[in-house]
Protein backbone atom coordinates (compact mmCIF):
# COMPACT_ATOMS: atom_id res chain seq x y z
CA MET A 1 119.76 249.52 199.77
CA VAL A 2 119.94 251.10 196.32
CA LYS A 3 119.81 248.77 193.32
CA ILE A 4 123.08 248.74 191.35
CA HIS A 5 122.95 248.67 187.55
CA THR A 6 124.29 245.54 185.81
CA ARG A 7 127.30 247.30 184.26
CA ALA A 8 128.28 248.63 187.67
CA LYS A 9 127.99 245.14 189.18
CA ARG A 10 130.32 243.75 186.54
CA LYS A 11 132.74 246.61 187.03
CA LEU A 12 132.80 246.13 190.80
CA LYS A 13 132.77 242.30 190.54
CA MET A 14 129.71 242.05 192.76
CA GLN A 15 128.05 239.33 190.74
CA GLY A 16 127.89 236.79 193.53
CA VAL A 17 127.56 233.12 192.66
CA THR A 18 128.20 232.31 189.02
CA GLY A 19 127.31 229.15 187.14
CA ARG A 20 125.14 226.21 188.02
CA LYS A 21 125.87 224.00 190.99
CA ARG A 22 123.95 220.95 189.78
CA ALA A 23 125.18 217.46 189.01
CA SER A 24 125.16 216.47 185.36
CA ARG A 25 122.35 214.19 184.29
CA PRO A 26 122.57 211.14 182.03
CA LYS A 27 121.96 211.69 178.33
CA THR A 28 118.52 210.62 177.15
CA PHE A 29 117.19 209.90 173.66
CA LYS A 30 113.78 210.02 172.02
CA THR A 31 114.23 206.97 169.81
CA LYS A 32 115.95 203.61 170.07
CA LYS A 33 117.81 204.23 166.83
CA SER A 34 119.32 207.50 168.04
CA ALA A 35 120.49 205.83 171.26
CA GLU A 36 122.14 203.01 169.32
CA THR A 37 123.90 205.37 166.91
CA TYR A 38 125.20 207.43 169.85
CA ALA A 39 126.58 204.30 171.53
CA GLU A 40 128.20 203.24 168.26
CA GLU A 41 129.82 206.66 167.77
CA LYS A 42 131.19 206.71 171.33
CA GLY A 43 132.50 203.13 171.03
CA ILE A 44 130.32 201.64 173.77
CA LYS A 45 130.29 197.89 173.07
CA SER A 46 128.14 196.42 175.85
CA TYR A 47 125.14 198.50 176.85
CA GLU A 48 121.52 198.16 177.78
CA LEU A 49 118.70 200.52 176.82
CA VAL A 50 116.66 201.65 179.80
CA TYR A 51 113.19 203.05 179.07
CA LEU A 52 112.66 205.91 181.55
CA GLN A 53 109.35 207.26 180.24
CA GLU A 54 107.19 206.86 177.20
CA ASN A 55 109.50 209.02 175.09
CA LYS A 56 112.88 208.83 176.92
CA ILE A 57 115.56 206.17 176.61
CA ARG A 58 118.88 206.04 178.46
CA ILE A 59 122.01 203.97 177.73
CA GLN A 60 123.30 201.99 180.71
CA LYS A 61 126.78 200.50 180.43
CA LYS A 62 127.14 196.91 181.56
């Protein structure tokens, strides 16, 4: 089968699957301070900081 140029694909609407089909992941932070300021901005009152790796922190709502 002959390869169709990109402009022709768009014109013929032969793009196939568009977008990502992946579940969203929880937001992570590099520092404790940045996680706390994010929680404060979003109005999260009760939360717990979960240390995922050496340099990743996640906020878990209680």
